[in-house]
C-alpha atoms as a PDB file:
ATOM      1  CA  MET A   1      84.147  88.564 -17.892  1.00  0.00           C
ATOM      2  CA  ASN A   2      83.493  90.944 -15.005  1.00  0.00           C
ATOM      3  CA  ILE A   3      79.821  90.025 -14.927  1.00  0.00           C
ATOM      4  CA  PHE A   4      78.707  91.244 -11.509  1.00  0.00           C
ATOM      5  CA  LYS A   5      80.073  94.777 -11.183  1.00  0.00           C
ATOM      6  CA  ASN A   6      81.462  96.065  -7.886  1.00  0.00           C
ATOM      7  CA  GLY A   7      79.721  93.366  -5.832  1.00  0.00           C
ATOM      8  CA  ILE A   8      76.494  95.392  -5.797  1.00  0.00           C
ATOM      9  CA  ASN A   9      73.131  93.662  -6.090  1.00  0.00           C
ATOM     10  CA  ARG A  10      71.326  94.610  -9.275  1.00  0.00           C
ATOM     11  CA  VAL A  11      67.958  93.663 -10.717  1.00  0.00           C
ATOM     12  CA  HIS A  12      67.250  92.824 -14.348  1.00  0.00           C
ATOM     13  CA  PHE A  13      63.718  93.163 -15.742  1.00  0.00           C
ATOM     14  CA  THR A  14      61.930  92.099 -18.884  1.00  0.00           C
ATOM     15  CA  ILE A  15      58.381  93.312 -19.426  1.00  0.00           C
ATOM     16  CA  ASN A  16      56.097  92.463 -22.333  1.00  0.00           C
ATOM     17  CA  ASP A  17      52.361  92.336 -22.988  1.00  0.00           C
ATOM     18  CA  ARG A  18      51.981  89.158 -20.886  1.00  0.00           C
ATOM     19  CA  PHE A  19      54.658  89.195 -18.144  1.00  0.00           C
ATOM     20  CA  ILE A  20      56.721  91.140 -15.667  1.00  0.00           C
ATOM     21  CA  ARG A  21      59.857  89.093 -15.015  1.00  0.00           C
ATOM     22  CA  PHE A  22      63.133  89.689 -13.144  1.00  0.00           C
ATOM     23  CA  VAL A  23      66.289  88.157 -11.716  1.00  0.00           C
ATOM     24  CA  GLU A  24      68.455  89.717  -9.018  1.00  0.00           C
ATOM     25  CA  SER A  25      72.221  89.313  -9.268  1.00  0.00           C
ATOM     26  CA  GLY A  26      74.692  89.720  -6.421  1.00  0.00           C
ATOM     27  CA  LYS A  27      78.357  89.504  -5.510  1.00  0.00           C
ATOM     28  CA  ASN A  28      80.617  86.505  -6.057  1.00  0.00           C
ATOM     29  CA  ASN A  29      78.966  85.660  -9.378  1.00  0.00           C
ATOM     30  CA  SER A  30      75.677  84.730  -7.744  1.00  0.00           C
ATOM     31  CA  PHE A  31      71.967  85.084  -8.362  1.00  0.00           C
ATOM     32  CA  ILE A  32      69.850  86.049  -5.364  1.00  0.00           C
ATOM     33  CA  GLY A  33      66.345  85.404  -6.654  1.00  0.00           C
ATOM     34  CA  TYR A  34      63.847  85.685  -9.456  1.00  0.00           C
ATOM     35  CA  GLY A  35      60.143  86.236  -9.939  1.00  0.00           C
ATOM     36  CA  GLN A  36      57.356  87.072 -12.335  1.00  0.00           C
ATOM     37  CA  LYS A  37      53.749  88.172 -12.564  1.00  0.00           C
ATOM     38  CA  CYS A  38      51.344  87.534 -15.406  1.00  0.00           C
ATOM     39  CA  LEU A  39      49.697  90.643 -16.819  1.00  0.00           C
ATOM     40  CA  PRO A  40      45.943  90.762 -17.463  1.00  0.00           C
ATOM     41  CA  GLU A  41      44.844  91.584 -21.002  1.00  0.00           C
ATOM     42  CA  GLY A  42      45.183  95.263 -21.906  1.00  0.00           C
ATOM     43  CA  ILE A  43      47.716  96.468 -19.316  1.00  0.00           C
ATOM     44  CA  ILE A  44      50.447  96.606 -21.988  1.00  0.00           C
ATOM     45  CA  VAL A  45      49.510  96.375 -25.662  1.00  0.00           C
ATOM     46  CA  GLU A  46      52.289  95.875 -28.233  1.00  0.00           C
ATOM     47  CA  GLY A  47      54.762  97.437 -25.827  1.00  0.00           C
ATOM     48  CA  LEU A  48      52.613 100.487 -24.992  1.00  0.00           C
ATOM     49  CA  ILE A  49      51.638 100.921 -21.350  1.00  0.00           C
ATOM     50  CA  LYS A  50      47.851 101.372 -21.501  1.00  0.00           C
ATOM     51  CA  GLU A  51      47.055 101.066 -17.771  1.00  0.00           C
ATOM     52  CA  PRO A  52      49.983 102.730 -15.950  1.00  0.00           C
ATOM     53  CA  GLU A  53      48.303 102.774 -12.532  1.00  0.00           C
ATOM     54  CA  ILE A  54      47.586  99.036 -12.578  1.00  0.00           C
ATOM     55  CA  LEU A  55      51.092  98.271 -13.857  1.00  0.00           C
ATOM     56  CA  GLN A  56      52.634 100.431 -11.144  1.00  0.00           C
ATOM     57  CA  MET A  57      50.567  98.682  -8.477  1.00  0.00           C
ATOM     58  CA  MET A  58      51.691  95.262  -9.694  1.00  0.00           C
ATOM     59  CA  MET A  59      55.310  96.403  -9.859  1.00  0.00           C
ATOM     60  CA  GLU A  60      55.165  97.796  -6.320  1.00  0.00           C
ATOM     61  CA  GLU A  61      53.787  94.485  -5.072  1.00  0.00           C
ATOM     62  CA  LEU A  62      56.575  92.552  -6.808  1.00  0.00           C
ATOM     63  CA  ILE A  63      59.234  94.916  -5.454  1.00  0.00           C
ATOM     64  CA  MET A  64      57.891  94.736  -1.908  1.00  0.00           C
ATOM     65  CA  GLU A  65      57.618  90.936  -1.948  1.00  0.00           C
ATOM     66  CA  ASN A  66      61.212  90.567  -3.154  1.00  0.00           C
ATOM     67  CA  LYS A  67      62.809  93.521  -1.323  1.00  0.00           C
ATOM     68  CA  LEU A  68      64.022  95.217  -4.504  1.00  0.00           C
ATOM     69  CA  LYS A  69      63.395  98.842  -3.536  1.00  0.00           C
ATOM     70  CA  GLY A  70      66.207 101.219  -4.453  1.00  0.00           C
ATOM     71  CA  LYS A  71      68.188  98.719  -6.526  1.00  0.00           C
ATOM     72  CA  LYS A  72      69.980  99.568  -9.759  1.00  0.00           C
ATOM     73  CA  LEU A  73      68.262  98.183 -12.821  1.00  0.00           C
ATOM     74  CA  SER A  74      68.785  96.986 -16.367  1.00  0.00           C
ATOM     75  CA  PHE A  75      65.790  96.256 -18.595  1.00  0.00           C
ATOM     76  CA  SER A  76      64.848  95.125 -22.073  1.00  0.00           C
ATOM     77  CA  VAL A  77      63.341  97.542 -24.558  1.00  0.00           C
ATOM     78  CA  PRO A  78      59.934  96.370 -25.910  1.00  0.00           C
ATOM     79  CA  ASP A  79      60.544  94.304 -29.032  1.00  0.00           C
ATOM     80  CA  SER A  80      57.709  96.066 -30.868  1.00  0.00           C
ATOM     81  CA  TYR A  81      59.859  99.201 -31.154  1.00  0.00           C
ATOM     82  CA  ILE A  82      63.178  97.786 -32.334  1.00  0.00           C
ATOM     83  CA  ILE A  83      64.498  98.388 -35.847  1.00  0.00           C
ATOM     84  CA  LEU A  84      67.610  96.760 -37.335  1.00  0.00           C
ATOM     85  CA  ARG A  85      68.766  98.016 -40.706  1.00  0.00           C
ATOM     86  CA  LEU A  86      71.922  97.752 -42.783  1.00  0.00           C
ATOM     87  CA  VAL A  87      72.894 101.142 -44.203  1.00  0.00           C
ATOM     88  CA  SER A  88      75.861 102.467 -46.130  1.00  0.00           C
ATOM     89  CA  VAL A  89      77.715 105.619 -45.138  1.00  0.00           C
ATOM     90  CA  PRO A  90      80.534 107.447 -46.946  1.00  0.00           C
ATOM     91  CA  ILE A  91      83.884 105.813 -46.417  1.00  0.00           C
ATOM     92  CA  GLU A  92      85.383 109.018 -45.024  1.00  0.00           C
ATOM     93  CA  ILE A  93      82.982 108.983 -42.034  1.00  0.00           C
ATOM     94  CA  ASN A  94      85.015 107.584 -39.127  1.00  0.00           C
ATOM     95  CA  GLU A  95      83.576 105.381 -36.381  1.00  0.00           C
ATOM     96  CA  GLU A  96      83.095 108.246 -33.900  1.00  0.00           C
ATOM     97  CA  GLU A  97      81.047 110.211 -36.430  1.00  0.00           C
ATOM     98  CA  ILE A  98      78.712 107.427 -37.601  1.00  0.00           C
ATOM     99  CA  VAL A  99      75.845 107.978 -35.146  1.00  0.00           C
ATOM    100  CA  GLY A 100      75.814 111.727 -35.783  1.00  0.00           C
ATOM    101  CA  TYR A 101      75.775 111.102 -39.529  1.00  0.00           C
ATOM    102  CA  LEU A 102      72.840 108.701 -39.210  1.00  0.00           C
ATOM    103  CA  TYR A 103      70.832 111.283 -37.258  1.00  0.00           C
ATOM    104  CA  MET A 104      71.514 113.873 -39.979  1.00  0.00           C
ATOM    105  CA  GLU A 105      70.257 111.480 -42.649  1.00  0.00           C
ATOM    106  CA  LEU A 106      66.911 110.826 -40.904  1.00  0.00           C
ATOM    107  CA  GLY A 107      64.108 111.833 -43.229  1.00  0.00           C
ATOM    108  CA  GLU A 108      66.524 112.131 -46.152  1.00  0.00           C
ATOM    109  CA  THR A 109      68.167 108.804 -47.026  1.00  0.00           C
ATOM    110  CA  ILE A 110      67.068 106.993 -43.837  1.00  0.00           C
ATOM    111  CA  HIS A 111      63.386 106.567 -43.023  1.00  0.00           C
ATOM    112  CA  LEU A 112      62.156 104.970 -39.789  1.00  0.00           C
ATOM    113  CA  PRO A 113      58.555 104.181 -38.732  1.00  0.00           C
ATOM    114  CA  PHE A 114      58.660 106.555 -35.755  1.00  0.00           C
ATOM    115  CA  GLU A 115      59.670 110.186 -35.358  1.00  0.00           C
ATOM    116  CA  ASP A 116      61.713 110.080 -32.135  1.00  0.00           C
ATOM    117  CA  PRO A 117      64.354 107.382 -32.602  1.00  0.00           C
ATOM    118  CA  VAL A 118      67.276 106.612 -30.328  1.00  0.00           C
ATOM    119  CA  ILE A 119      70.043 105.312 -32.578  1.00  0.00           C
ATOM    120  CA  GLU A 120      73.038 103.073 -31.979  1.00  0.00           C
ATOM    121  CA  ALA A 121      75.396 101.904 -34.727  1.00  0.00           C
ATOM    122  CA  VAL A 122      77.714  98.951 -35.292  1.00  0.00           C
ATOM    123  CA  ASP A 123      80.497  99.492 -37.820  1.00  0.00           C
ATOM    124  CA  LEU A 124      80.640  96.387 -40.035  1.00  0.00           C
ATOM    125  CA  GLY A 125      83.646  97.583 -42.039  1.00  0.00           C
ATOM    126  CA  ILE A 126      84.365  98.695 -45.583  1.00  0.00           C
ATOM    127  CA  LYS A 127      82.381  97.128 -48.398  1.00  0.00           C
ATOM    128  CA  GLY A 128      83.358  98.346 -51.867  1.00  0.00           C
ATOM    129  CA  THR A 129      83.379 102.138 -51.822  1.00  0.00           C
ATOM    130  CA  GLN A 130      81.145 102.511 -48.755  1.00  0.00           C
ATOM    131  CA  ARG A 131      81.262 101.779 -45.047  1.00  0.00           C
ATOM    132  CA  GLU A 132      78.590  99.250 -44.018  1.00  0.00           C
ATOM    133  CA  VAL A 133      76.818 100.012 -40.744  1.00  0.00           C
ATOM    134  CA  LEU A 134      74.174  98.216 -38.723  1.00  0.00           C
ATOM    135  CA  LEU A 135      71.658 100.793 -37.508  1.00  0.00           C
ATOM    136  CA  ILE A 136      69.788  99.854 -34.323  1.00  0.00           C
ATOM    137  CA  ALA A 137      66.910 102.149 -33.405  1.00  0.00           C
ATOM    138  CA  SER A 138      64.247 102.308 -30.727  1.00  0.00           C
ATOM    139  CA  LYS A 139      61.571 104.853 -29.869  1.00  0.00           C
ATOM    140  CA  GLU A 140      62.739 107.449 -27.353  1.00  0.00           C
ATOM    141  CA  SER A 141      59.275 108.152 -25.899  1.00  0.00           C
ATOM    142  CA  ILE A 142      58.821 104.419 -25.148  1.00  0.00           C
ATOM    143  CA  LEU A 143      62.222 104.250 -23.449  1.00  0.00           C
ATOM    144  CA  ASN A 144      61.327 107.310 -21.391  1.00  0.00           C
ATOM    145  CA  GLU A 145      57.944 105.814 -20.466  1.00  0.00           C
ATOM    146  CA  TYR A 146      59.520 102.656 -19.056  1.00  0.00           C
ATOM    147  CA  THR A 147      62.344 104.558 -17.376  1.00  0.00           C
ATOM    148  CA  GLU A 148      59.852 106.819 -15.605  1.00  0.00           C
ATOM    149  CA  MET A 149      57.732 103.829 -14.598  1.00  0.00           C
ATOM    150  CA  PHE A 150      60.733 102.094 -13.008  1.00  0.00           C
ATOM    151  CA  GLU A 151      61.739 105.298 -11.229  1.00  0.00           C
ATOM    152  CA  SER A 152      58.184 105.716  -9.903  1.00  0.00           C
ATOM    153  CA  VAL A 153      58.495 102.385  -8.070  1.00  0.00           C
ATOM    154  CA  SER A 154      61.862 103.275  -6.479  1.00  0.00           C
ATOM    155  CA  LEU A 155      64.168 101.472  -8.902  1.00  0.00           C
ATOM    156  CA  LYS A 156      67.214 103.075 -10.546  1.00  0.00           C
ATOM    157  CA  PRO A 157      67.339 102.271 -14.278  1.00  0.00           C
ATOM    158  CA  GLU A 158      70.859 102.335 -15.712  1.00  0.00           C
ATOM    159  CA  ILE A 159      70.853 100.184 -18.857  1.00  0.00           C
ATOM    160  CA  ALA A 160      68.307  99.506 -21.600  1.00  0.00           C
ATOM    161  CA  ASP A 161      69.051  96.524 -23.840  1.00  0.00           C
ATOM    162  CA  LEU A 162      67.445  94.368 -26.541  1.00  0.00           C
ATOM    163  CA  SER A 163      66.005  90.918 -25.832  1.00  0.00           C
ATOM    164  CA  MET A 164      67.872  89.290 -28.728  1.00  0.00           C
ATOM    165  CA  LEU A 165      71.206  90.771 -27.555  1.00  0.00           C
ATOM    166  CA  SER A 166      70.569  89.574 -24.005  1.00  0.00           C
ATOM    167  CA  LEU A 167      69.869  86.033 -25.212  1.00  0.00           C
ATOM    168  CA  TYR A 168      72.876  86.056 -27.529  1.00  0.00           C
ATOM    169  CA  ARG A 169      75.048  87.246 -24.631  1.00  0.00           C
ATOM    170  CA  LEU A 170      73.904  84.216 -22.629  1.00  0.00           C
ATOM    171  CA  TYR A 171      74.572  81.936 -25.613  1.00  0.00           C
ATOM    172  CA  TYR A 172      78.057  83.435 -25.990  1.00  0.00           C
ATOM    173  CA  HIS A 173      78.698  82.937 -22.272  1.00  0.00           C
ATOM    174  CA  LEU A 174      78.078  79.191 -22.714  1.00  0.00           C
ATOM    175  CA  ASN A 175      81.190  79.014 -24.968  1.00  0.00           C
ATOM    176  CA  VAL A 176      79.391  77.283 -27.841  1.00  0.00           C
ATOM    177  CA  SER A 177      79.233  80.202 -30.295  1.00  0.00           C
ATOM    178  CA  LYS A 178      81.468  80.373 -33.378  1.00  0.00           C
ATOM    179  CA  GLU A 179      82.296  83.556 -35.206  1.00  0.00           C
ATOM    180  CA  GLU A 180      81.852  82.042 -38.671  1.00  0.00           C
ATOM    181  CA  GLU A 181      78.373  80.578 -38.059  1.00  0.00           C
ATOM    182  CA  HIS A 182      75.166  82.098 -39.389  1.00  0.00           C
ATOM    183  CA  LEU A 183      72.993  81.670 -36.324  1.00  0.00           C
ATOM    184  CA  LEU A 184      69.213  81.918 -36.493  1.00  0.00           C
ATOM    185  CA  MET A 185      67.813  82.803 -33.080  1.00  0.00           C
ATOM    186  CA  ILE A 186      64.163  81.786 -32.645  1.00  0.00           C
ATOM    187  CA  GLN A 187      62.268  83.433 -29.763  1.00  0.00           C
ATOM    188  CA  ILE A 188      58.682  82.251 -29.307  1.00  0.00           C
ATOM    189  CA  GLY A 189      56.326  83.936 -26.845  1.00  0.00           C
ATOM    190  CA  LEU A 190      52.642  83.667 -26.115  1.00  0.00           C
ATOM    191  CA  ASP A 191      51.656  86.079 -28.874  1.00  0.00           C
ATOM    192  CA  ASN A 192      54.760  86.800 -30.927  1.00  0.00           C
ATOM    193  CA  MET A 193      57.882  85.336 -32.489  1.00  0.00           C
ATOM    194  CA  LEU A 194      61.197  87.062 -33.120  1.00  0.00           C
ATOM    195  CA  LEU A 195      63.651  85.736 -35.682  1.00  0.00           C
ATOM    196  CA  SER A 196      67.145  87.189 -35.877  1.00  0.00           C
ATOM    197  CA  VAL A 197      70.399  86.222 -37.574  1.00  0.00           C
ATOM    198  CA  PHE A 198      73.852  86.688 -36.056  1.00  0.00           C
ATOM    199  CA  HIS A 199      77.085  86.400 -38.015  1.00  0.00           C
ATOM    200  CA  GLN A 200      80.562  87.165 -36.690  1.00  0.00           C
ATOM    201  CA  ARG A 201      78.757  87.606 -33.355  1.00  0.00           C
ATOM    202  CA  LYS A 202      76.812  90.619 -34.637  1.00  0.00           C
ATOM    203  CA  PRO A 203      73.073  90.862 -35.391  1.00  0.00           C
ATOM    204  CA  LEU A 204      72.328  91.335 -39.072  1.00  0.00           C
ATOM    205  CA  LEU A 205      68.623  90.795 -39.577  1.00  0.00           C
ATOM    206  CA  LEU A 206      65.472  90.895 -37.430  1.00  0.00           C
ATOM    207  CA  SER A 207      61.836  90.096 -38.166  1.00  0.00           C
ATOM    208  CA  GLN A 208      58.862  89.986 -35.805  1.00  0.00           C
ATOM    209  CA  PHE A 209      55.657  88.018 -36.273  1.00  0.00           C
ATOM    210  CA  LYS A 210      52.403  88.293 -34.369  1.00  0.00           C
ATOM    211  CA  LEU A 211      50.990  84.959 -33.250  1.00  0.00           C
ATOM    212  CA  PRO A 212      47.277  84.508 -32.581  1.00  0.00           C
ATOM    213  CA  PHE A 213      46.473  84.739 -28.882  1.00  0.00           C
ATOM    214  CA  ASP A 214      43.220  83.409 -27.467  1.00  0.00           C
ATOM    215  CA  GLY A 215      43.018  83.974 -23.719  1.00  0.00           C
ATOM    216  CA  SER A 216      40.540  81.107 -23.332  1.00  0.00           C
ATOM    217  CA  GLN A 217      43.338  78.676 -24.291  1.00  0.00           C
ATOM    218  CA  TYR A 218      45.518  79.733 -21.352  1.00  0.00           C
ATOM    219  CA  GLU A 219      45.225  79.722 -17.578  1.00  0.00           C
ATOM    220  CA  ILE A 220      47.290  81.634 -15.016  1.00  0.00           C
ATOM    221  CA  ILE A 221      48.681  79.337 -12.309  1.00  0.00           C
ATOM    222  CA  ARG A 222      50.526  80.282  -9.106  1.00  0.00           C
ATOM    223  CA  ASN A 223      53.022  77.752  -7.735  1.00  0.00           C
ATOM    224  CA  ARG A 224      54.167  77.218  -4.142  1.00  0.00           C
ATOM    225  CA  ARG A 225      56.861  79.890  -4.450  1.00  0.00           C
ATOM    226  CA  GLY A 226      54.236  82.444  -5.492  1.00  0.00           C
ATOM    227  CA  GLN A 227      55.435  82.501  -9.109  1.00  0.00           C
ATOM    228  CA  GLU A 228      52.743  83.051 -11.723  1.00  0.00           C
ATOM    229  CA  PHE A 229      52.846  81.445 -15.149  1.00  0.00           C
ATOM    230  CA  PHE A 230      50.572  80.596 -18.056  1.00  0.00           C
ATOM    231  CA  THR A 231      49.521  77.033 -18.821  1.00  0.00           C
ATOM    232  CA  TRP A 232      48.041  75.844 -22.106  1.00  0.00           C
ATOM    233  CA  ASN A 233      44.443  74.623 -22.116  1.00  0.00           C
ATOM    234  CA  GLY A 234      44.005  74.535 -25.871  1.00  0.00           C
ATOM    235  CA  LYS A 235      43.339  71.450 -27.947  1.00  0.00           C
ATOM    236  CA  GLY A 236      45.903  69.450 -29.892  1.00  0.00           C
ATOM    237  CA  ASP A 237      44.663  70.568 -33.297  1.00  0.00           C
ATOM    238  CA  GLN A 238      44.909  74.215 -32.189  1.00  0.00           C
ATOM    239  CA  PHE A 239      48.573  73.737 -31.322  1.00  0.00           C
ATOM    240  CA  ASP A 240      49.172  71.916 -34.609  1.00  0.00           C
ATOM    241  CA  THR A 241      47.765  74.912 -36.485  1.00  0.00           C
ATOM    242  CA  LEU A 242      49.921  77.324 -34.485  1.00  0.00           C
ATOM    243  CA  SER A 243      53.106  75.296 -34.896  1.00  0.00           C
ATOM    244  CA  ALA A 244      52.493  74.957 -38.650  1.00  0.00           C
ATOM    245  CA  GLU A 245      52.274  78.753 -38.889  1.00  0.00           C
ATOM    246  CA  VAL A 246      55.510  79.102 -36.906  1.00  0.00           C
ATOM    247  CA  LEU A 247      57.337  76.653 -39.185  1.00  0.00           C
ATOM    248  CA  VAL A 248      56.152  78.436 -42.339  1.00  0.00           C
ATOM    249  CA  GLU A 249      57.476  81.779 -41.064  1.00  0.00           C
ATOM    250  CA  ILE A 250      60.818  80.255 -40.055  1.00  0.00           C
ATOM    251  CA  GLU A 251      61.305  78.672 -43.474  1.00  0.00           C
ATOM    252  CA  ARG A 252      60.325  81.901 -45.254  1.00  0.00           C
ATOM    253  CA  PHE A 253      62.772  83.872 -43.120  1.00  0.00           C
ATOM    254  CA  MET A 254      65.612  81.439 -43.837  1.00  0.00           C
ATOM    255  CA  THR A 255      64.864  81.611 -47.557  1.00  0.00           C
ATOM    256  CA  TYR A 256      64.849  85.425 -47.453  1.00  0.00           C
ATOM    257  CA  TYR A 257      68.174  85.487 -45.620  1.00  0.00           C
ATOM    258  CA  LYS A 258      69.806  83.172 -48.153  1.00  0.00           C
ATOM    259  CA  PHE A 259      68.462  84.495 -51.440  1.00  0.00           C
ATOM    260  CA  ASN A 260      67.564  88.133 -50.737  1.00  0.00           C
ATOM    261  CA  PHE A 261      69.661  89.361 -47.845  1.00  0.00           C
ATOM    262  CA  THR A 262      72.935  87.614 -48.811  1.00  0.00           C
ATOM    263  CA  GLN A 263      72.157  87.242 -52.523  1.00  0.00           C
ATOM    264  CA  GLY A 264      72.728  83.491 -52.309  1.00  0.00           C
ATOM    265  CA  SER A 265      76.207  83.743 -50.791  1.00  0.00           C
ATOM    266  CA  HIS A 266      75.291  82.513 -47.298  1.00  0.00           C
ATOM    267  CA  GLU A 267      72.608  80.585 -45.459  1.00  0.00           C
ATOM    268  CA  VAL A 268      71.639  79.794 -41.880  1.00  0.00           C
ATOM    269  CA  THR A 269      73.974  77.154 -40.445  1.00  0.00           C
ATOM    270  CA  LYS A 270      72.734  76.814 -36.860  1.00  0.00           C
ATOM    271  CA  LEU A 271      69.639  77.424 -34.727  1.00  0.00           C
ATOM    272  CA  LEU A 272      69.272  78.837 -31.232  1.00  0.00           C
ATOM    273  CA  ILE A 273      65.843  78.183 -29.699  1.00  0.00           C
ATOM    274  CA  ALA A 274      64.443  80.185 -26.791  1.00  0.00           C
ATOM    275  CA  GLY A 275      61.105  81.448 -25.542  1.00  0.00           C
ATOM    276  CA  ASP A 276      58.470  81.357 -22.820  1.00  0.00           C
ATOM    277  CA  HIS A 277      55.480  79.791 -24.568  1.00  0.00           C
ATOM    278  CA  PRO A 278      54.081  76.935 -22.406  1.00  0.00           C
ATOM    279  CA  HIS A 279      54.612  74.566 -25.354  1.00  0.00           C
ATOM    280  CA  MET A 280      58.251  75.502 -26.068  1.00  0.00           C
ATOM    281  CA  THR A 281      59.472  71.902 -25.838  1.00  0.00           C
ATOM    282  CA  SER A 282      56.912  70.820 -28.439  1.00  0.00           C
ATOM    283  CA  PHE A 283      57.838  73.778 -30.652  1.00  0.00           C
ATOM    284  CA  GLN A 284      61.483  72.781 -30.432  1.00  0.00           C
ATOM    285  CA  GLU A 285      60.743  69.172 -31.387  1.00  0.00           C
ATOM    286  CA  LYS A 286      58.804  70.260 -34.470  1.00  0.00           C
ATOM    287  CA  ILE A 287      61.411  72.843 -35.518  1.00  0.00           C
ATOM    288  CA  VAL A 288      64.452  70.568 -35.262  1.00  0.00           C
ATOM    289  CA  SER A 289      62.640  67.716 -37.009  1.00  0.00           C
ATOM    290  CA  THR A 290      61.737  70.028 -39.899  1.00  0.00           C
ATOM    291  CA  VAL A 291      64.874  72.162 -40.166  1.00  0.00           C
ATOM    292  CA  ASP A 292      67.839  69.796 -40.489  1.00  0.00           C
ATOM    293  CA  LEU A 293      70.484  71.932 -38.783  1.00  0.00           C
ATOM    294  CA  GLN A 294      72.609  71.838 -35.668  1.00  0.00           C
ATOM    295  CA  PHE A 295      70.866  73.616 -32.822  1.00  0.00           C
ATOM    296  CA  GLU A 296      71.385  74.915 -29.311  1.00  0.00           C
ATOM    297  CA  SER A 297      68.569  75.308 -26.815  1.00  0.00           C
ATOM    298  CA  LEU A 298      67.954  77.734 -23.975  1.00  0.00           C
ATOM    299  CA  LEU A 299      65.040  75.658 -22.702  1.00  0.00           C
ATOM    300  CA  LYS A 300      66.785  74.022 -19.740  1.00  0.00           C
ATOM    301  CA  PRO A 301      67.859  75.588 -16.419  1.00  0.00           C
ATOM    302  CA  LEU A 302      71.435  76.856 -16.750  1.00  0.00           C
ATOM    303  CA  PHE A 303      71.893  78.807 -13.511  1.00  0.00           C
ATOM    304  CA  GLN A 304      71.010  78.435  -9.836  1.00  0.00           C
ATOM    305  CA  THR A 305      70.386  80.873  -7.022  1.00  0.00           C
ATOM    306  CA  LYS A 306      72.686  80.994  -3.988  1.00  0.00           C
ATOM    307  CA  LYS A 307      70.250  78.593  -2.310  1.00  0.00           C
ATOM    308  CA  LYS A 308      70.784  76.042  -5.134  1.00  0.00           C
ATOM    309  CA  THR A 309      67.355  76.589  -6.686  1.00  0.00           C
ATOM    310  CA  ASN A 310      67.310  76.114 -10.458  1.00  0.00           C
ATOM    311  CA  ILE A 311      66.307  79.299 -12.277  1.00  0.00           C
ATOM    312  CA  PRO A 312      63.655  78.338 -14.871  1.00  0.00           C
ATOM    313  CA  PRO A 313      64.679  78.782 -18.526  1.00  0.00           C
ATOM    314  CA  VAL A 314      62.039  81.484 -19.141  1.00  0.00           C
ATOM    315  CA  TYR A 315      64.422  83.805 -17.245  1.00  0.00           C
ATOM    316  CA  ALA A 316      67.148  83.399 -19.894  1.00  0.00           C
ATOM    317  CA  GLU A 317      66.659  86.949 -21.166  1.00  0.00           C
ATOM    318  CA  CYS A 318      66.935  88.393 -17.641  1.00  0.00           C
ATOM    319  CA  ILE A 319      70.107  86.368 -17.048  1.00  0.00           C
ATOM    320  CA  GLY A 320      71.512  87.704 -20.304  1.00  0.00           C
ATOM    321  CA  LEU A 321      70.895  91.215 -19.010  1.00  0.00           C
ATOM    322  CA  ALA A 322      72.846  90.358 -15.848  1.00  0.00           C
ATOM    323  CA  LEU A 323      75.789  89.127 -17.945  1.00  0.00           C
ATOM    324  CA  ARG A 324      76.206  92.516 -19.570  1.00  0.00           C
END
């Protein structure tokens, strides 16, 4: 894999309601550095930038501290505005025509929850008398908003990607994926959980769940390297309630995939666990003890910087962007 193109340093950002996070990749298959800032409540809400001036100020500070000005950029699209949907198209539509056909069918046979979608398509092959296609859509105005924000702080956005694809790319890079498996990827954040299924190394199904977030249960800490992160100050019974809710949603999703989505013909065969919640290790312990399946974890450092510093596992998504 030609991971680090042309020997040019690039920066790879993920931004959500709680964090700004990046890694910088360089020549000779190396990582230069990484960093993050915690976002105060209300700066970004469900992927929408509500306080652009404050966000820009924080971004400029991060860029100045890490000497990122002028670098080419890849970034993750906010998860709140991602739609995955299996659709059927006429068999005579060839692969080059699929996206155009899907745009023509918007508002007719295809209905999306926003009016300005950007569409990509994955041809899944012929099924019966139709061609089966995975439609991937995001909201164009949101993409433009983030692109303009990055440009305003002297970065050069080139690629927008999805968090689940970035994490799967990292998983694939570890050489433990199998084409025949039905992989359930579990991403747990401070206030949300994403569940997605991959089969034949393609995403098939995605669901998002809001998790209750109480700011009084968390504290922002800055370590010696200047990195900010959230710590958990909640009580044990509060975590037990949260983890029980997470387990219920996972089991419901697995049941839906088996009996509704595949009509009983397939079921989840493996788990991939990732996320940046302060209690991810505890979540993992509860999940694997409840769901009796083989699992892989992205909760340990897998890469180092050129200076032999372990990159924390919360940067897995950013690393997956760099592997594109």
